[in-house]
Amino acid sequence: MEGSGSSIGGFLMFIALAIIGVIIILGLLLFAAAFLVVLVPLIVILLVVGAAKGWWKKRHPPKELESPEDYF
C-alpha cells in the first residue's frame, strides 16, 4: 500500500509542476505578444516620421541668408 500512496503523491506533484509550467509558458507568450503589439507600431511610426522629415528637408531646403534683413 505504501507504494500506491507514493505514486499518487508523485502524480499530484507532476500535475502541479505541469500546471506551473503551462502558466509560465503562457505568461512568457503573453509578454512576447504584448511586447510585439507595442514595438511594431512604434517602429512603423518612427520610420514614417523619419521619412516625412527627410521628405520635408528635401522639399524645403534651408533659406540662404544674403542680406542683413534676412537675419531679422
Protein backbone atom coordinates (compact mmCIF):
# COMPACT_ATOMS: atom_id res chain seq x y z
CA MET A 1 0.00 0.00 0.00
CA GLU A 2 2.85 2.35 0.69
CA GLY A 3 3.89 2.22 -2.96
CA SER A 4 0.39 3.22 -4.04
CA GLY A 5 0.40 6.38 -1.90
CA SER A 6 3.82 7.33 -3.17
CA SER A 7 2.73 7.04 -6.78
CA ILE A 8 -0.35 9.19 -6.13
CA GLY A 9 1.83 11.84 -4.49
CA GLY A 10 4.21 11.73 -7.43
CA PHE A 11 1.31 12.02 -9.85
CA LEU A 12 -0.07 15.04 -7.98
CA MET A 13 3.41 16.62 -7.96
CA PHE A 14 3.68 16.01 -11.71
CA ILE A 15 0.28 17.62 -12.33
CA ALA A 16 1.21 20.62 -10.15
CA LEU A 17 4.53 21.10 -11.96
CA ALA A 18 2.82 20.72 -15.34
CA ILE A 19 0.26 23.39 -14.42
CA ILE A 20 3.02 25.74 -13.20
CA GLY A 21 4.99 25.11 -16.41
CA VAL A 22 1.98 25.87 -18.60
CA ILE A 23 1.29 29.07 -16.65
CA ILE A 24 4.92 30.20 -17.05
CA ILE A 25 4.97 29.40 -20.79
CA LEU A 26 1.65 31.17 -21.39
CA GLY A 27 2.87 34.15 -19.38
CA LEU A 28 6.01 34.41 -21.49
CA LEU A 29 3.98 34.12 -24.69
CA LEU A 30 1.58 36.79 -23.47
CA PHE A 31 4.50 39.07 -22.60
CA ALA A 32 6.05 38.49 -26.05
CA ALA A 33 2.74 39.23 -27.77
CA ALA A 34 2.22 42.43 -25.77
CA PHE A 35 5.82 43.46 -26.47
CA LEU A 36 5.30 42.98 -30.22
CA VAL A 37 1.95 44.79 -30.15
CA VAL A 38 3.74 47.82 -28.69
CA LEU A 39 7.05 47.53 -30.54
CA VAL A 40 5.85 47.01 -34.13
CA PRO A 41 3.63 50.14 -34.30
CA LEU A 42 6.36 52.15 -32.56
CA ILE A 43 8.92 51.14 -35.19
CA VAL A 44 6.45 51.87 -38.01
CA ILE A 45 5.70 55.32 -36.54
CA LEU A 46 9.41 56.12 -36.18
CA LEU A 47 10.07 55.06 -39.78
CA VAL A 48 7.18 57.17 -41.09
CA VAL A 49 8.29 60.21 -39.08
CA GLY A 50 11.88 59.81 -40.29
CA ALA A 51 10.77 59.51 -43.90
CA ALA A 52 8.49 62.54 -43.55
CA LYS A 53 11.32 64.61 -42.06
CA GLY A 54 13.64 63.61 -44.89
CA TRP A 55 10.99 64.44 -47.46
CA TRP A 56 10.31 67.81 -45.80
CA LYS A 57 14.00 68.75 -45.77
CA LYS A 58 14.32 67.74 -49.41
CA ARG A 59 11.27 69.77 -50.47
CA HIS A 60 12.06 72.76 -48.24
CA PRO A 61 15.82 73.38 -48.21
CA PRO A 62 17.16 75.89 -45.70
CA LYS A 63 16.93 79.52 -46.77
CA GLU A 64 20.20 81.07 -47.82
CA LEU A 65 20.79 84.28 -45.93
CA GLU A 66 22.23 87.03 -48.10
CA SER A 67 21.39 90.43 -46.65
CA PRO A 68 21.17 91.76 -43.07
CA GLU A 69 17.36 91.89 -43.37
CA ASP A 70 17.30 88.10 -43.68
CA TYR A 71 18.65 87.79 -40.13
CA PHE A 72 15.75 89.69 -38.52
